[in-house]
mmCIF file of all heavy atoms, coordinates in Angstrom:
data_MODEL
# 
_entry.id   MODEL 
# 
loop_
_atom_site.group_PDB 
_atom_site.id 
_atom_site.type_symbol 
_atom_site.label_atom_id 
_atom_site.label_alt_id 
_atom_site.label_comp_id 
_atom_site.label_asym_id 
_atom_site.label_entity_id 
_atom_site.label_seq_id 
_atom_site.pdbx_PDB_ins_code 
_atom_site.Cartn_x 
_atom_site.Cartn_y 
_atom_site.Cartn_z 
_atom_site.occupancy 
_atom_site.B_iso_or_equiv 
_atom_site.pdbx_formal_charge 
_atom_site.auth_seq_id 
_atom_site.auth_comp_id 
_atom_site.auth_asym_id 
_atom_site.auth_atom_id 
_atom_site.pdbx_PDB_model_num 
ATOM 1   N N   . VAL A 1 1  ? 0.858  -1.187  0.000  1.00 0.00 ? 1  VAL A N   1 
ATOM 2   C CA  . VAL A 1 1  ? 0.000  0.000   0.000  1.00 0.00 ? 1  VAL A CA  1 
ATOM 3   C C   . VAL A 1 1  ? 0.891  1.232   0.000  1.00 0.00 ? 1  VAL A C   1 
ATOM 4   O O   . VAL A 1 1  ? 1.699  1.429   0.915  1.00 0.00 ? 1  VAL A O   1 
ATOM 5   C CB  . VAL A 1 1  ? -0.944 0.013   1.210  1.00 0.00 ? 1  VAL A CB  1 
ATOM 6   C CG1 . VAL A 1 1  ? -1.829 1.264   1.174  1.00 0.00 ? 1  VAL A CG1 1 
ATOM 7   C CG2 . VAL A 1 1  ? -1.807 -1.242  1.238  1.00 0.00 ? 1  VAL A CG2 1 
ATOM 8   N N   . LEU A 1 2  ? 0.757  2.046   -1.033 1.00 0.00 ? 2  LEU A N   1 
ATOM 9   C CA  . LEU A 1 2  ? 1.537  3.273   -1.184 1.00 0.00 ? 2  LEU A CA  1 
ATOM 10  C C   . LEU A 1 2  ? 0.639  4.456   -0.849 1.00 0.00 ? 2  LEU A C   1 
ATOM 11  O O   . LEU A 1 2  ? -0.339 4.724   -1.545 1.00 0.00 ? 2  LEU A O   1 
ATOM 12  C CB  . LEU A 1 2  ? 2.053  3.408   -2.615 1.00 0.00 ? 2  LEU A CB  1 
ATOM 13  C CG  . LEU A 1 2  ? 2.859  2.231   -3.163 1.00 0.00 ? 2  LEU A CG  1 
ATOM 14  C CD1 . LEU A 1 2  ? 2.981  2.325   -4.679 1.00 0.00 ? 2  LEU A CD1 1 
ATOM 15  C CD2 . LEU A 1 2  ? 4.249  2.199   -2.525 1.00 0.00 ? 2  LEU A CD2 1 
ATOM 16  N N   . MET A 1 3  ? 0.972  5.181   0.219  1.00 0.00 ? 3  MET A N   1 
ATOM 17  C CA  . MET A 1 3  ? 0.180  6.334   0.632  1.00 0.00 ? 3  MET A CA  1 
ATOM 18  C C   . MET A 1 3  ? 1.028  7.593   0.497  1.00 0.00 ? 3  MET A C   1 
ATOM 19  O O   . MET A 1 3  ? 2.136  7.668   1.025  1.00 0.00 ? 3  MET A O   1 
ATOM 20  C CB  . MET A 1 3  ? -0.298 6.169   2.079  1.00 0.00 ? 3  MET A CB  1 
ATOM 21  C CG  . MET A 1 3  ? -1.234 4.995   2.294  1.00 0.00 ? 3  MET A CG  1 
ATOM 22  S SD  . MET A 1 3  ? -1.743 4.803   4.029  1.00 0.00 ? 3  MET A SD  1 
ATOM 23  C CE  . MET A 1 3  ? -2.623 6.331   4.307  1.00 0.00 ? 3  MET A CE  1 
ATOM 24  N N   . THR A 1 4  ? 0.483  8.593   -0.209 1.00 0.00 ? 4  THR A N   1 
ATOM 25  C CA  . THR A 1 4  ? 1.199  9.838   -0.442 1.00 0.00 ? 4  THR A CA  1 
ATOM 26  C C   . THR A 1 4  ? 0.332  11.003  -0.008 1.00 0.00 ? 4  THR A C   1 
ATOM 27  O O   . THR A 1 4  ? -0.844 11.086  -0.389 1.00 0.00 ? 4  THR A O   1 
ATOM 28  C CB  . THR A 1 4  ? 1.571  9.991   -1.930 1.00 0.00 ? 4  THR A CB  1 
ATOM 29  O OG1 . THR A 1 4  ? 2.221  8.802   -2.383 1.00 0.00 ? 4  THR A OG1 1 
ATOM 30  C CG2 . THR A 1 4  ? 2.502  11.171  -2.133 1.00 0.00 ? 4  THR A CG2 1 
ATOM 31  N N   . TYR A 1 5  ? 0.908  11.927  0.769  1.00 0.00 ? 5  TYR A N   1 
ATOM 32  C CA  . TYR A 1 5  ? 0.209  13.117  1.228  1.00 0.00 ? 5  TYR A CA  1 
ATOM 33  C C   . TYR A 1 5  ? 0.861  14.327  0.556  1.00 0.00 ? 5  TYR A C   1 
ATOM 34  O O   . TYR A 1 5  ? 2.058  14.587  0.754  1.00 0.00 ? 5  TYR A O   1 
ATOM 35  C CB  . TYR A 1 5  ? 0.291  13.268  2.745  1.00 0.00 ? 5  TYR A CB  1 
ATOM 36  C CG  . TYR A 1 5  ? 0.115  11.974  3.531  1.00 0.00 ? 5  TYR A CG  1 
ATOM 37  C CD1 . TYR A 1 5  ? 0.890  11.711  4.658  1.00 0.00 ? 5  TYR A CD1 1 
ATOM 38  C CD2 . TYR A 1 5  ? -0.839 11.033  3.156  1.00 0.00 ? 5  TYR A CD2 1 
ATOM 39  C CE1 . TYR A 1 5  ? 0.733  10.547  5.391  1.00 0.00 ? 5  TYR A CE1 1 
ATOM 40  C CE2 . TYR A 1 5  ? -1.007 9.859   3.882  1.00 0.00 ? 5  TYR A CE2 1 
ATOM 41  C CZ  . TYR A 1 5  ? -0.216 9.625   4.998  1.00 0.00 ? 5  TYR A CZ  1 
ATOM 42  O OH  . TYR A 1 5  ? -0.372 8.458   5.709  1.00 0.00 ? 5  TYR A OH  1 
ATOM 43  N N   . ILE A 1 6  ? 0.084  15.094  -0.201 1.00 0.00 ? 6  ILE A N   1 
ATOM 44  C CA  . ILE A 1 6  ? 0.630  16.152  -1.035 1.00 0.00 ? 6  ILE A CA  1 
ATOM 45  C C   . ILE A 1 6  ? -0.187 17.443  -0.894 1.00 0.00 ? 6  ILE A C   1 
ATOM 46  O O   . ILE A 1 6  ? -1.404 17.410  -0.721 1.00 0.00 ? 6  ILE A O   1 
ATOM 47  C CB  . ILE A 1 6  ? 0.628  15.739  -2.525 1.00 0.00 ? 6  ILE A CB  1 
ATOM 48  C CG1 . ILE A 1 6  ? 1.325  14.401  -2.732 1.00 0.00 ? 6  ILE A CG1 1 
ATOM 49  C CG2 . ILE A 1 6  ? 1.296  16.792  -3.405 1.00 0.00 ? 6  ILE A CG2 1 
ATOM 50  C CD1 . ILE A 1 6  ? 1.243  13.887  -4.159 1.00 0.00 ? 6  ILE A CD1 1 
ATOM 51  N N   . SER A 1 7  ? 0.510  18.575  -0.985 1.00 0.00 ? 7  SER A N   1 
ATOM 52  C CA  . SER A 1 7  ? -0.133 19.877  -1.151 1.00 0.00 ? 7  SER A CA  1 
ATOM 53  C C   . SER A 1 7  ? 0.855  20.779  -1.884 1.00 0.00 ? 7  SER A C   1 
ATOM 54  O O   . SER A 1 7  ? 1.986  20.376  -2.165 1.00 0.00 ? 7  SER A O   1 
ATOM 55  C CB  . SER A 1 7  ? -0.504 20.483  0.208  1.00 0.00 ? 7  SER A CB  1 
ATOM 56  O OG  . SER A 1 7  ? 0.653  20.986  0.863  1.00 0.00 ? 7  SER A OG  1 
ATOM 57  N N   . THR A 1 8  ? 0.448  22.008  -2.166 1.00 0.00 ? 8  THR A N   1 
ATOM 58  C CA  . THR A 1 8  ? 1.398  22.965  -2.716 1.00 0.00 ? 8  THR A CA  1 
ATOM 59  C C   . THR A 1 8  ? 2.379  23.389  -1.629 1.00 0.00 ? 8  THR A C   1 
ATOM 60  O O   . THR A 1 8  ? 2.103  23.265  -0.424 1.00 0.00 ? 8  THR A O   1 
ATOM 61  C CB  . THR A 1 8  ? 0.680  24.205  -3.263 1.00 0.00 ? 8  THR A CB  1 
ATOM 62  O OG1 . THR A 1 8  ? -0.021 24.841  -2.181 1.00 0.00 ? 8  THR A OG1 1 
ATOM 63  C CG2 . THR A 1 8  ? -0.304 23.816  -4.353 1.00 0.00 ? 8  THR A CG2 1 
ATOM 64  N N   . ALA A 1 9  ? 3.529  23.915  -2.043 1.00 0.00 ? 9  ALA A N   1 
ATOM 65  C CA  . ALA A 1 9  ? 4.589  24.253  -1.090 1.00 0.00 ? 9  ALA A CA  1 
ATOM 66  C C   . ALA A 1 9  ? 4.159  25.321  -0.094 1.00 0.00 ? 9  ALA A C   1 
ATOM 67  O O   . ALA A 1 9  ? 4.582  25.316  1.069  1.00 0.00 ? 9  ALA A O   1 
ATOM 68  C CB  . ALA A 1 9  ? 5.838  24.707  -1.841 1.00 0.00 ? 9  ALA A CB  1 
ATOM 69  N N   . GLN A 1 10 ? 3.300  26.245  -0.513 1.00 0.00 ? 10 GLN A N   1 
ATOM 70  C CA  . GLN A 1 10 ? 2.905  27.361  0.350  1.00 0.00 ? 10 GLN A CA  1 
ATOM 71  C C   . GLN A 1 10 ? 1.644  27.077  1.160  1.00 0.00 ? 10 GLN A C   1 
ATOM 72  O O   . GLN A 1 10 ? 1.231  27.909  1.960  1.00 0.00 ? 10 GLN A O   1 
ATOM 73  C CB  . GLN A 1 10 ? 2.682  28.615  -0.504 1.00 0.00 ? 10 GLN A CB  1 
ATOM 74  C CG  . GLN A 1 10 ? 3.864  28.998  -1.383 1.00 0.00 ? 10 GLN A CG  1 
ATOM 75  C CD  . GLN A 1 10 ? 5.100  29.322  -0.584 1.00 0.00 ? 10 GLN A CD  1 
ATOM 76  O OE1 . GLN A 1 10 ? 5.012  29.839  0.525  1.00 0.00 ? 10 GLN A OE1 1 
ATOM 77  N NE2 . GLN A 1 10 ? 6.275  29.024  -1.132 1.00 0.00 ? 10 GLN A NE2 1 
ATOM 78  N N   . ALA A 1 11 ? 1.047  25.916  0.960  1.00 0.00 ? 11 ALA A N   1 
ATOM 79  C CA  . ALA A 1 11 ? -0.237 25.626  1.604  1.00 0.00 ? 11 ALA A CA  1 
ATOM 80  C C   . ALA A 1 11 ? -0.087 25.434  3.105  1.00 0.00 ? 11 ALA A C   1 
ATOM 81  O O   . ALA A 1 11 ? 0.964  25.032  3.601  1.00 0.00 ? 11 ALA A O   1 
ATOM 82  C CB  . ALA A 1 11 ? -0.869 24.383  0.979  1.00 0.00 ? 11 ALA A CB  1 
ATOM 83  N N   . LYS A 1 12 ? -1.162 25.727  3.823  1.00 0.00 ? 12 LYS A N   1 
ATOM 84  C CA  . LYS A 1 12 ? -1.206 25.488  5.260  1.00 0.00 ? 12 LYS A CA  1 
ATOM 85  C C   . LYS A 1 12 ? -2.511 24.802  5.592  1.00 0.00 ? 12 LYS A C   1 
ATOM 86  O O   . LYS A 1 12 ? -3.486 24.845  4.837  1.00 0.00 ? 12 LYS A O   1 
ATOM 87  C CB  . LYS A 1 12 ? -1.072 26.797  6.030  1.00 0.00 ? 12 LYS A CB  1 
ATOM 88  C CG  . LYS A 1 12 ? -2.178 27.794  5.769  1.00 0.00 ? 12 LYS A CG  1 
ATOM 89  C CD  . LYS A 1 12 ? -1.941 29.078  6.554  1.00 0.00 ? 12 LYS A CD  1 
ATOM 90  C CE  . LYS A 1 12 ? -3.033 30.114  6.242  1.00 0.00 ? 12 LYS A CE  1 
ATOM 91  N NZ  . LYS A 1 12 ? -2.796 31.375  7.002  1.00 0.00 ? 12 LYS A NZ  1 
ATOM 92  N N   . GLY A 1 13 ? -2.522 24.127  6.744  1.00 0.00 ? 13 GLY A N   1 
ATOM 93  C CA  . GLY A 1 13 ? -3.730 23.427  7.157  1.00 0.00 ? 13 GLY A CA  1 
ATOM 94  C C   . GLY A 1 13 ? -3.422 22.369  8.185  1.00 0.00 ? 13 GLY A C   1 
ATOM 95  O O   . GLY A 1 13 ? -2.371 22.397  8.851  1.00 0.00 ? 13 GLY A O   1 
ATOM 96  N N   . GLN A 1 14 ? -4.342 21.435  8.337  1.00 0.00 ? 14 GLN A N   1 
ATOM 97  C CA  . GLN A 1 14 ? -4.215 20.355  9.318  1.00 0.00 ? 14 GLN A CA  1 
ATOM 98  C C   . GLN A 1 14 ? -4.598 19.049  8.643  1.00 0.00 ? 14 GLN A C   1 
ATOM 99  O O   . GLN A 1 14 ? -5.732 18.878  8.198  1.00 0.00 ? 14 GLN A O   1 
ATOM 100 C CB  . GLN A 1 14 ? -5.138 20.639  10.511 1.00 0.00 ? 14 GLN A CB  1 
ATOM 101 C CG  . GLN A 1 14 ? -5.045 19.639  11.645 1.00 0.00 ? 14 GLN A CG  1 
ATOM 102 C CD  . GLN A 1 14 ? -5.919 20.058  12.812 1.00 0.00 ? 14 GLN A CD  1 
ATOM 103 O OE1 . GLN A 1 14 ? -5.797 21.161  13.338 1.00 0.00 ? 14 GLN A OE1 1 
ATOM 104 N NE2 . GLN A 1 14 ? -6.824 19.174  13.220 1.00 0.00 ? 14 GLN A NE2 1 
ATOM 105 N N   . ALA A 1 15 ? -3.634 18.142  8.540  1.00 0.00 ? 15 ALA A N   1 
ATOM 106 C CA  . ALA A 1 15 ? -3.849 16.862  7.870  1.00 0.00 ? 15 ALA A CA  1 
ATOM 107 C C   . ALA A 1 15 ? -3.635 15.738  8.873  1.00 0.00 ? 15 ALA A C   1 
ATOM 108 O O   . ALA A 1 15 ? -2.506 15.500  9.315  1.00 0.00 ? 15 ALA A O   1 
ATOM 109 C CB  . ALA A 1 15 ? -2.895 16.704  6.691  1.00 0.00 ? 15 ALA A CB  1 
ATOM 110 N N   . SER A 1 16 ? -4.705 15.048  9.221  1.00 0.00 ? 16 SER A N   1 
ATOM 111 C CA  . SER A 1 16 ? -4.644 13.942  10.178 1.00 0.00 ? 16 SER A CA  1 
ATOM 112 C C   . SER A 1 16 ? -5.044 12.653  9.465  1.00 0.00 ? 16 SER A C   1 
ATOM 113 O O   . SER A 1 16 ? -6.077 12.609  8.806  1.00 0.00 ? 16 SER A O   1 
ATOM 114 C CB  . SER A 1 16 ? -5.573 14.191  11.363 1.00 0.00 ? 16 SER A CB  1 
ATOM 115 O OG  . SER A 1 16 ? -5.257 15.409  12.018 1.00 0.00 ? 16 SER A OG  1 
ATOM 116 N N   . ILE A 1 17 ? -4.215 11.640  9.612  1.00 0.00 ? 17 ILE A N   1 
ATOM 117 C CA  . ILE A 1 17 ? -4.471 10.352  8.968  1.00 0.00 ? 17 ILE A CA  1 
ATOM 118 C C   . ILE A 1 17 ? -4.254 9.236   9.974  1.00 0.00 ? 17 ILE A C   1 
ATOM 119 O O   . ILE A 1 17 ? -3.229 9.205   10.663 1.00 0.00 ? 17 ILE A O   1 
ATOM 120 C CB  . ILE A 1 17 ? -3.559 10.119  7.748  1.00 0.00 ? 17 ILE A CB  1 
ATOM 121 C CG1 . ILE A 1 17 ? -3.734 11.230  6.711  1.00 0.00 ? 17 ILE A CG1 1 
ATOM 122 C CG2 . ILE A 1 17 ? -3.843 8.759   7.114  1.00 0.00 ? 17 ILE A CG2 1 
ATOM 123 C CD1 . ILE A 1 17 ? -2.650 12.275  6.765  1.00 0.00 ? 17 ILE A CD1 1 
ATOM 124 N N   . GLN A 1 18 ? -5.205 8.335   10.060 1.00 0.00 ? 18 GLN A N   1 
ATOM 125 C CA  . GLN A 1 18 ? -5.059 7.137   10.890 1.00 0.00 ? 18 GLN A CA  1 
ATOM 126 C C   . GLN A 1 18 ? -5.162 5.915   9.983  1.00 0.00 ? 18 GLN A C   1 
ATOM 127 O O   . GLN A 1 18 ? -6.110 5.792   9.210  1.00 0.00 ? 18 GLN A O   1 
ATOM 128 C CB  . GLN A 1 18 ? -6.133 7.076   11.961 1.00 0.00 ? 18 GLN A CB  1 
ATOM 129 C CG  . GLN A 1 18 ? -6.007 5.863   12.874 1.00 0.00 ? 18 GLN A CG  1 
ATOM 130 C CD  . GLN A 1 18 ? -7.123 5.796   13.906 1.00 0.00 ? 18 GLN A CD  1 
ATOM 131 O OE1 . GLN A 1 18 ? -8.285 5.609   13.548 1.00 0.00 ? 18 GLN A OE1 1 
ATOM 132 N NE2 . GLN A 1 18 ? -6.791 5.956   15.171 1.00 0.00 ? 18 GLN A NE2 1 
ATOM 133 N N   . THR A 1 19 ? -4.173 5.032   10.080 1.00 0.00 ? 19 THR A N   1 
ATOM 134 C CA  . THR A 1 19 ? -4.152 3.816   9.267  1.00 0.00 ? 19 THR A CA  1 
ATOM 135 C C   . THR A 1 19 ? -4.096 2.611   10.187 1.00 0.00 ? 19 THR A C   1 
ATOM 136 O O   . THR A 1 19 ? -3.197 2.519   11.028 1.00 0.00 ? 19 THR A O   1 
ATOM 137 C CB  . THR A 1 19 ? -2.932 3.806   8.322  1.00 0.00 ? 19 THR A CB  1 
ATOM 138 O OG1 . THR A 1 19 ? -2.917 5.019   7.552  1.00 0.00 ? 19 THR A OG1 1 
ATOM 139 C CG2 . THR A 1 19 ? -2.991 2.617   7.375  1.00 0.00 ? 19 THR A CG2 1 
ATOM 140 N N   . LYS A 1 20 ? -5.044 1.687   10.021 1.00 0.00 ? 20 LYS A N   1 
ATOM 141 C CA  . LYS A 1 20 ? -5.067 0.468   10.829 1.00 0.00 ? 20 LYS A CA  1 
ATOM 142 C C   . LYS A 1 20 ? -4.969 -0.745  9.915  1.00 0.00 ? 20 LYS A C   1 
ATOM 143 O O   . LYS A 1 20 ? -5.617 -0.791  8.866  1.00 0.00 ? 20 LYS A O   1 
ATOM 144 C CB  . LYS A 1 20 ? -6.326 0.405   11.688 1.00 0.00 ? 20 LYS A CB  1 
ATOM 145 C CG  . LYS A 1 20 ? -6.369 1.489   12.779 1.00 0.00 ? 20 LYS A CG  1 
ATOM 146 C CD  . LYS A 1 20 ? -7.547 1.299   13.716 1.00 0.00 ? 20 LYS A CD  1 
ATOM 147 C CE  . LYS A 1 20 ? -7.527 2.309   14.859 1.00 0.00 ? 20 LYS A CE  1 
ATOM 148 N NZ  . LYS A 1 20 ? -8.634 2.082   15.815 1.00 0.00 ? 20 LYS A NZ  1 
ATOM 149 N N   . ILE A 1 21 ? -4.170 -1.718  10.346 1.00 0.00 ? 21 ILE A N   1 
ATOM 150 C CA  . ILE A 1 21 ? -3.890 -2.883  9.512  1.00 0.00 ? 21 ILE A CA  1 
ATOM 151 C C   . ILE A 1 21 ? -4.107 -4.153  10.297 1.00 0.00 ? 21 ILE A C   1 
ATOM 152 O O   . ILE A 1 21 ? -3.593 -4.305  11.406 1.00 0.00 ? 21 ILE A O   1 
ATOM 153 C CB  . ILE A 1 21 ? -2.435 -2.847  8.995  1.00 0.00 ? 21 ILE A CB  1 
ATOM 154 C CG1 . ILE A 1 21 ? -2.118 -1.493  8.342  1.00 0.00 ? 21 ILE A CG1 1 
ATOM 155 C CG2 . ILE A 1 21 ? -2.176 -3.973  8.014  1.00 0.00 ? 21 ILE A CG2 1 
ATOM 156 C CD1 . ILE A 1 21 ? -1.310 -0.570  9.213  1.00 0.00 ? 21 ILE A CD1 1 
ATOM 157 N N   . ASP A 1 22 ? -4.858 -5.078  9.701  1.00 0.00 ? 22 ASP A N   1 
ATOM 158 C CA  . ASP A 1 22 ? -5.044 -6.418  10.258 1.00 0.00 ? 22 ASP A CA  1 
ATOM 159 C C   . ASP A 1 22 ? -4.357 -7.399  9.315  1.00 0.00 ? 22 ASP A C   1 
ATOM 160 O O   . ASP A 1 22 ? -4.808 -7.582  8.177  1.00 0.00 ? 22 ASP A O   1 
ATOM 161 C CB  . ASP A 1 22 ? -6.531 -6.733  10.400 1.00 0.00 ? 22 ASP A CB  1 
ATOM 162 C CG  . ASP A 1 22 ? -6.765 -8.131  10.961 1.00 0.00 ? 22 ASP A CG  1 
ATOM 163 O OD1 . ASP A 1 22 ? -5.987 -8.562  11.829 1.00 0.00 ? 22 ASP A OD1 1 
ATOM 164 O OD2 . ASP A 1 22 ? -7.720 -8.792  10.515 1.00 0.00 ? 22 ASP A OD2 1 
ATOM 165 N N   . VAL A 1 23 ? -3.277 -8.014  9.783  1.00 0.00 ? 23 VAL A N   1 
ATOM 166 C CA  . VAL A 1 23 ? -2.495 -8.926  8.948  1.00 0.00 ? 23 VAL A CA  1 
ATOM 167 C C   . VAL A 1 23 ? -2.769 -10.352 9.420  1.00 0.00 ? 23 VAL A C   1 
ATOM 168 O O   . VAL A 1 23 ? -2.316 -10.762 10.492 1.00 0.00 ? 23 VAL A O   1 
ATOM 169 C CB  . VAL A 1 23 ? -0.986 -8.612  9.021  1.00 0.00 ? 23 VAL A CB  1 
ATOM 170 C CG1 . VAL A 1 23 ? -0.231 -9.382  7.939  1.00 0.00 ? 23 VAL A CG1 1 
ATOM 171 C CG2 . VAL A 1 23 ? -0.730 -7.118  8.882  1.00 0.00 ? 23 VAL A CG2 1 
ATOM 172 N N   . ALA A 1 24 ? -3.510 -11.094 8.631  1.00 0.00 ? 24 ALA A N   1 
ATOM 173 C CA  . ALA A 1 24 ? -3.919 -12.448 9.008  1.00 0.00 ? 24 ALA A CA  1 
ATOM 174 C C   . ALA A 1 24 ? -2.731 -13.413 8.931  1.00 0.00 ? 24 ALA A C   1 
ATOM 175 O O   . ALA A 1 24 ? -1.640 -13.064 8.461  1.00 0.00 ? 24 ALA A O   1 
ATOM 176 C CB  . ALA A 1 24 ? -5.045 -12.921 8.102  1.00 0.00 ? 24 ALA A CB  1 
ATOM 177 N N   . ALA A 1 25 ? -2.952 -14.635 9.410  1.00 0.00 ? 25 ALA A N   1 
ATOM 178 C CA  . ALA A 1 25 ? -1.896 -15.656 9.429  1.00 0.00 ? 25 ALA A CA  1 
ATOM 179 C C   . ALA A 1 25 ? -1.318 -15.851 8.024  1.00 0.00 ? 25 ALA A C   1 
ATOM 180 O O   . ALA A 1 25 ? -2.052 -16.036 7.054  1.00 0.00 ? 25 ALA A O   1 
ATOM 181 C CB  . ALA A 1 25 ? -2.464 -16.975 9.945  1.00 0.00 ? 25 ALA A CB  1 
ATOM 182 N N   . GLY A 1 26 ? 0.007  -15.768 7.935  1.00 0.00 ? 26 GLY A N   1 
ATOM 183 C CA  . GLY A 1 26 ? 0.693  -16.001 6.674  1.00 0.00 ? 26 GLY A CA  1 
ATOM 184 C C   . GLY A 1 26 ? 0.630  -14.865 5.682  1.00 0.00 ? 26 GLY A C   1 
ATOM 185 O O   . GLY A 1 26 ? 1.198  -14.964 4.592  1.00 0.00 ? 26 GLY A O   1 
# 
């Protein structure tokens, strides 16, 4: 899974990301 967070260089704000993963047997 490739996750990319992008904005312009001058941008401002609040970016919150939560990622949860369940990896089964094998």
